Amino acid sequence: MDLQDQLKNLFPDHIPSDEPEPTETDHELFVQKEPMICKFEKRKGKPITIIEGYAGSDEDFKILAKELKTKLSVGGTFKDDSIIIQGDYRDKIMEILKNKGFKVKRVGG
């Protein structure tokens, strides 16, 4: 007895739909001519990476922040037109941004 048969037994009145579930589409980010700045700081003894200098909309920058945090599996936030990532991930962040078509400039250290 496969899963479909079990579901039919549990929910006999349910009629399955053939429509595929909506998938999340990739949002096109604004790629700028000016390089974004990727810098390293220590706040309260903890290392953080800061990305600044995005010229597009705040919503696009928030989407980019969420994508970076997901890919790196780290915490972070979007504050004052900058992305703050916990830890020193400058090299990985710069590689991800370059693959997306952004110009990135490394600042500090």
N, C-alpha and C. Protein backbone atom coordinates (compact mmCIF):
# COMPACT_ATOMS: atom_id res chain seq x y z
N MET A 1 0.85 -1.17 0.00
CA MET A 1 0.00 0.00 0.00
C MET A 1 0.90 1.24 0.00
N ASP A 2 0.79 2.06 -1.03
CA ASP A 2 1.64 3.24 -1.11
C ASP A 2 0.97 4.43 -0.43
N LEU A 3 1.65 5.53 -0.44
CA LEU A 3 1.19 6.72 0.25
C LEU A 3 -0.14 7.24 -0.30
N GLN A 4 -0.32 7.20 -1.61
CA GLN A 4 -1.57 7.68 -2.20
C GLN A 4 -2.77 6.87 -1.72
N ASP A 5 -2.61 5.57 -1.64
CA ASP A 5 -3.69 4.71 -1.14
C ASP A 5 -4.01 5.00 0.32
N GLN A 6 -2.98 5.21 1.12
CA GLN A 6 -3.19 5.53 2.53
C GLN A 6 -3.93 6.85 2.69
N LEU A 7 -3.55 7.83 1.86
CA LEU A 7 -4.23 9.12 1.93
C LEU A 7 -5.70 9.01 1.50
N LYS A 8 -5.96 8.17 0.49
CA LYS A 8 -7.35 7.96 0.06
C LYS A 8 -8.18 7.32 1.16
N ASN A 9 -7.56 6.41 1.91
CA ASN A 9 -8.27 5.77 3.02
C ASN A 9 -8.55 6.76 4.15
N LEU A 10 -7.61 7.63 4.43
CA LEU A 10 -7.78 8.59 5.50
C LEU A 10 -8.74 9.72 5.13
N PHE A 11 -8.68 10.16 3.86
CA PHE A 11 -9.50 11.28 3.40
C PHE A 11 -10.27 10.87 2.15
N PRO A 12 -11.35 10.13 2.31
CA PRO A 12 -12.07 9.63 1.12
C PRO A 12 -12.77 10.72 0.31
N ASP A 13 -13.11 11.85 0.94
CA ASP A 13 -13.82 12.91 0.22
C ASP A 13 -12.89 13.86 -0.53
N HIS A 14 -11.60 13.77 -0.29
CA HIS A 14 -10.65 14.70 -0.90
C HIS A 14 -10.44 14.39 -2.37
N ILE A 15 -10.48 15.44 -3.19
CA ILE A 15 -10.20 15.29 -4.62
C ILE A 15 -8.86 15.97 -4.89
N PRO A 16 -7.84 15.20 -5.26
CA PRO A 16 -6.51 15.80 -5.49
C PRO A 16 -6.53 16.69 -6.73
N SER A 17 -5.83 17.80 -6.65
CA SER A 17 -5.74 18.71 -7.79
C SER A 17 -4.49 18.39 -8.59
N ASP A 18 -4.56 18.62 -9.89
CA ASP A 18 -3.42 18.36 -10.76
C ASP A 18 -2.55 19.59 -10.96
N GLU A 19 -2.93 20.72 -10.33
CA GLU A 19 -2.16 21.94 -10.48
C GLU A 19 -0.88 21.84 -9.66
N PRO A 20 0.26 22.20 -10.26
CA PRO A 20 1.50 22.19 -9.50
C PRO A 20 1.51 23.34 -8.49
N GLU A 21 2.21 23.13 -7.40
CA GLU A 21 2.29 24.16 -6.38
C GLU A 21 3.12 25.33 -6.90
N PRO A 22 2.76 26.54 -6.55
CA PRO A 22 3.55 27.68 -7.03
C PRO A 22 4.95 27.66 -6.43
N THR A 23 5.93 27.90 -7.25
CA THR A 23 7.31 27.91 -6.77
C THR A 23 7.77 29.35 -6.65
N GLU A 24 8.73 29.54 -5.79
CA GLU A 24 9.26 30.88 -5.56
C GLU A 24 10.17 31.24 -6.73
N THR A 25 9.88 32.36 -7.38
CA THR A 25 10.69 32.77 -8.52
C THR A 25 11.87 33.60 -8.05
N ASP A 26 12.97 33.52 -8.78
CA ASP A 26 14.14 34.31 -8.45
C ASP A 26 13.86 35.77 -8.77
N HIS A 27 14.18 36.62 -7.84
CA HIS A 27 13.97 38.04 -7.99
C HIS A 27 15.22 38.64 -8.62
N GLU A 28 15.05 39.42 -9.68
CA GLU A 28 16.19 40.06 -10.33
C GLU A 28 16.66 41.23 -9.48
N LEU A 29 17.93 41.19 -9.10
CA LEU A 29 18.51 42.25 -8.30
C LEU A 29 19.12 43.32 -9.20
N PHE A 30 19.08 44.55 -8.77
CA PHE A 30 19.68 45.65 -9.50
C PHE A 30 21.19 45.55 -9.37
N VAL A 31 21.90 45.42 -10.49
CA VAL A 31 23.36 45.35 -10.47
C VAL A 31 23.89 46.73 -10.80
N GLN A 32 24.71 47.25 -9.92
CA GLN A 32 25.16 48.63 -10.04
C GLN A 32 26.57 48.72 -10.60
N LYS A 33 26.97 49.92 -10.97
CA LYS A 33 28.31 50.15 -11.51
C LYS A 33 29.32 50.36 -10.40
N GLU A 34 28.91 50.97 -9.30
CA GLU A 34 29.79 51.23 -8.17
C GLU A 34 30.03 49.92 -7.40
N PRO A 35 31.25 49.67 -6.92
CA PRO A 35 31.47 48.44 -6.15
C PRO A 35 30.86 48.52 -4.75
N MET A 36 30.38 47.38 -4.28
CA MET A 36 29.88 47.28 -2.91
C MET A 36 31.09 47.10 -2.01
N ILE A 37 30.99 47.56 -0.78
CA ILE A 37 32.11 47.49 0.16
C ILE A 37 31.86 46.35 1.14
N CYS A 38 32.85 45.47 1.27
CA CYS A 38 32.78 44.34 2.19
C CYS A 38 33.90 44.52 3.21
N LYS A 39 33.54 44.80 4.46
CA LYS A 39 34.57 45.05 5.47
C LYS A 39 34.37 44.21 6.72
N PHE A 40 35.44 44.10 7.47
CA PHE A 40 35.49 43.27 8.68
C PHE A 40 35.66 44.17 9.88
N GLU A 41 34.90 43.91 10.94
CA GLU A 41 35.03 44.65 12.19
C GLU A 41 34.87 43.69 13.35
N LYS A 42 35.25 44.16 14.52
CA LYS A 42 34.97 43.42 15.75
C LYS A 42 34.12 44.33 16.62
N ARG A 43 32.97 43.82 17.01
CA ARG A 43 32.10 44.55 17.92
C ARG A 43 31.89 43.70 19.17
N LYS A 44 32.21 44.28 20.30
CA LYS A 44 32.12 43.57 21.59
C LYS A 44 32.92 42.28 21.55
N GLY A 45 34.06 42.30 20.86
CA GLY A 45 34.94 41.14 20.79
C GLY A 45 34.53 40.08 19.78
N LYS A 46 33.42 40.26 19.10
CA LYS A 46 32.92 39.28 18.13
C LYS A 46 33.19 39.77 16.71
N PRO A 47 33.66 38.90 15.82
CA PRO A 47 33.90 39.32 14.44
C PRO A 47 32.60 39.42 13.64
N ILE A 48 32.49 40.47 12.83
CA ILE A 48 31.34 40.63 11.95
C ILE A 48 31.83 41.09 10.58
N THR A 49 31.04 40.79 9.56
CA THR A 49 31.30 41.24 8.20
C THR A 49 30.18 42.20 7.82
N ILE A 50 30.54 43.34 7.26
CA ILE A 50 29.56 44.36 6.89
C ILE A 50 29.62 44.59 5.38
N ILE A 51 28.46 44.56 4.73
CA ILE A 51 28.35 44.84 3.30
C ILE A 51 27.56 46.13 3.15
N GLU A 52 28.15 47.11 2.47
CA GLU A 52 27.53 48.42 2.29
C GLU A 52 27.64 48.85 0.83
N GLY A 53 26.90 49.89 0.48
CA GLY A 53 27.06 50.52 -0.81
C GLY A 53 26.15 50.03 -1.90
N TYR A 54 25.01 49.43 -1.56
CA TYR A 54 24.06 48.98 -2.58
C TYR A 54 23.19 50.15 -3.00
N ALA A 55 23.06 50.38 -4.30
CA ALA A 55 22.32 51.54 -4.81
C ALA A 55 20.86 51.22 -5.14
N GLY A 56 20.46 49.96 -5.10
CA GLY A 56 19.09 49.59 -5.45
C GLY A 56 18.13 49.83 -4.29
N SER A 57 16.95 49.25 -4.39
CA SER A 57 15.93 49.44 -3.35
C SER A 57 16.26 48.63 -2.10
N ASP A 58 15.67 49.05 -0.98
CA ASP A 58 15.89 48.36 0.29
C ASP A 58 15.36 46.94 0.24
N GLU A 59 14.24 46.73 -0.46
CA GLU A 59 13.65 45.39 -0.54
C GLU A 59 14.63 44.43 -1.23
N ASP A 60 15.28 44.88 -2.30
CA ASP A 60 16.26 44.04 -2.99
C ASP A 60 17.43 43.72 -2.08
N PHE A 61 17.87 44.73 -1.30
CA PHE A 61 19.00 44.53 -0.40
C PHE A 61 18.63 43.55 0.71
N LYS A 62 17.38 43.60 1.18
CA LYS A 62 16.92 42.65 2.20
C LYS A 62 16.88 41.22 1.64
N ILE A 63 16.45 41.10 0.39
CA ILE A 63 16.43 39.78 -0.26
C ILE A 63 17.85 39.24 -0.37
N LEU A 64 18.79 40.11 -0.75
CA LEU A 64 20.19 39.71 -0.86
C LEU A 64 20.74 39.29 0.51
N ALA A 65 20.37 40.02 1.56
CA ALA A 65 20.82 39.70 2.92
C ALA A 65 20.31 38.32 3.33
N LYS A 66 19.05 38.05 3.06
CA LYS A 66 18.48 36.76 3.42
C LYS A 66 19.16 35.63 2.66
N GLU A 67 19.44 35.86 1.39
CA GLU A 67 20.10 34.84 0.58
C GLU A 67 21.52 34.56 1.08
N LEU A 68 22.25 35.60 1.45
CA LEU A 68 23.61 35.42 1.97
C LEU A 68 23.58 34.65 3.29
N LYS A 69 22.66 35.02 4.18
CA LYS A 69 22.57 34.33 5.47
C LYS A 69 22.22 32.87 5.28
N THR A 70 21.35 32.57 4.31
CA THR A 70 20.95 31.19 4.06
C THR A 70 22.10 30.38 3.48
N LYS A 71 22.79 30.94 2.51
CA LYS A 71 23.90 30.22 1.87
C LYS A 71 25.05 29.96 2.83
N LEU A 72 25.31 30.92 3.71
CA LEU A 72 26.42 30.78 4.65
C LEU A 72 26.00 30.09 5.95
N SER A 73 24.72 29.92 6.17
CA SER A 73 24.18 29.31 7.39
C SER A 73 24.64 30.05 8.64
N VAL A 74 24.52 31.37 8.60
CA VAL A 74 24.92 32.20 9.73
C VAL A 74 23.82 33.19 10.04
N GLY A 75 23.94 33.85 11.17
CA GLY A 75 22.99 34.88 11.54
C GLY A 75 23.44 36.23 11.02
N GLY A 76 22.54 37.15 11.03
CA GLY A 76 22.87 38.49 10.57
C GLY A 76 21.63 39.35 10.56
N THR A 77 21.80 40.60 10.11
CA THR A 77 20.69 41.54 10.09
C THR A 77 20.89 42.56 8.98
N PHE A 78 19.82 43.29 8.70
CA PHE A 78 19.86 44.39 7.75
C PHE A 78 19.55 45.65 8.53
N LYS A 79 20.54 46.56 8.64
CA LYS A 79 20.37 47.77 9.44
C LYS A 79 21.05 48.94 8.76
N ASP A 80 20.41 50.08 8.75
CA ASP A 80 21.01 51.33 8.26
C ASP A 80 21.67 51.17 6.89
N ASP A 81 20.96 50.60 5.95
CA ASP A 81 21.44 50.39 4.58
C ASP A 81 22.73 49.58 4.52
N SER A 82 22.89 48.63 5.43
CA SER A 82 24.03 47.72 5.38
C SER A 82 23.60 46.35 5.89
N ILE A 83 24.29 45.32 5.41
CA ILE A 83 24.05 43.96 5.86
C ILE A 83 25.14 43.61 6.86
N ILE A 84 24.76 43.12 8.01
CA ILE A 84 25.72 42.72 9.04
C ILE A 84 25.61 41.21 9.20
N ILE A 85 26.71 40.51 8.90
CA ILE A 85 26.77 39.05 8.99
C ILE A 85 27.68 38.67 10.16
N GLN A 86 27.25 37.73 10.98
CA GLN A 86 28.05 37.29 12.11
C GLN A 86 29.21 36.43 11.63
N GLY A 87 30.43 36.81 11.98
CA GLY A 87 31.61 36.05 11.61
C GLY A 87 32.37 36.71 10.47
N ASP A 88 33.57 36.20 10.21
CA ASP A 88 34.43 36.74 9.15
C ASP A 88 34.25 35.87 7.90
N TYR A 89 33.35 36.29 7.02
CA TYR A 89 33.04 35.55 5.80
C TYR A 89 33.29 36.40 4.56
N ARG A 90 34.27 37.32 4.62
CA ARG A 90 34.50 38.23 3.51
C ARG A 90 34.76 37.51 2.20
N ASP A 91 35.63 36.51 2.22
CA ASP A 91 35.99 35.82 0.97
C ASP A 91 34.79 35.11 0.36
N LYS A 92 34.02 34.40 1.18
CA LYS A 92 32.85 33.69 0.68
C LYS A 92 31.78 34.65 0.18
N ILE A 93 31.55 35.73 0.91
CA ILE A 93 30.56 36.72 0.51
C ILE A 93 30.96 37.38 -0.80
N MET A 94 32.24 37.73 -0.92
CA MET A 94 32.71 38.37 -2.15
C MET A 94 32.57 37.42 -3.34
N GLU A 95 32.82 36.15 -3.14
CA GLU A 95 32.66 35.17 -4.22
C GLU A 95 31.19 35.04 -4.64
N ILE A 96 30.29 34.97 -3.67
CA ILE A 96 28.86 34.86 -3.97
C ILE A 96 28.38 36.09 -4.72
N LEU A 97 28.79 37.29 -4.27
CA LEU A 97 28.36 38.52 -4.92
C LEU A 97 28.93 38.65 -6.33
N LYS A 98 30.17 38.22 -6.52
CA LYS A 98 30.77 38.27 -7.86
C LYS A 98 30.06 37.32 -8.81
N ASN A 99 29.63 36.17 -8.32
CA ASN A 99 28.88 35.23 -9.16
C ASN A 99 27.52 35.80 -9.56
N LYS A 100 26.98 36.70 -8.73
CA LYS A 100 25.70 37.34 -9.05
C LYS A 100 25.88 38.53 -9.99
N GLY A 101 27.13 38.93 -10.25
CA GLY A 101 27.39 40.04 -11.15
C GLY A 101 27.72 41.36 -10.48
N PHE A 102 27.87 41.37 -9.16
CA PHE A 102 28.20 42.59 -8.44
C PHE A 102 29.71 42.81 -8.43
N LYS A 103 30.10 44.06 -8.35
CA LYS A 103 31.50 44.41 -8.12
C LYS A 103 31.65 44.61 -6.62
N VAL A 104 32.69 44.00 -6.06
CA VAL A 104 32.88 44.05 -4.61
C VAL A 104 34.29 44.52 -4.32
N LYS A 105 34.41 45.41 -3.32
CA LYS A 105 35.69 45.92 -2.90
C LYS A 105 35.93 45.51 -1.46
N ARG A 106 37.09 44.92 -1.20
CA ARG A 106 37.44 44.48 0.16
C ARG A 106 38.10 45.63 0.90
N VAL A 107 37.61 45.91 2.11
CA VAL A 107 38.13 47.01 2.90
C VAL A 107 38.56 46.47 4.26
N GLY A 108 39.75 46.83 4.71
CA GLY A 108 40.23 46.46 6.03
C GLY A 108 40.75 45.05 6.13
N GLY A 109 42.00 44.92 6.46
CA GLY A 109 42.63 43.62 6.70
C GLY A 109 42.83 42.79 5.53
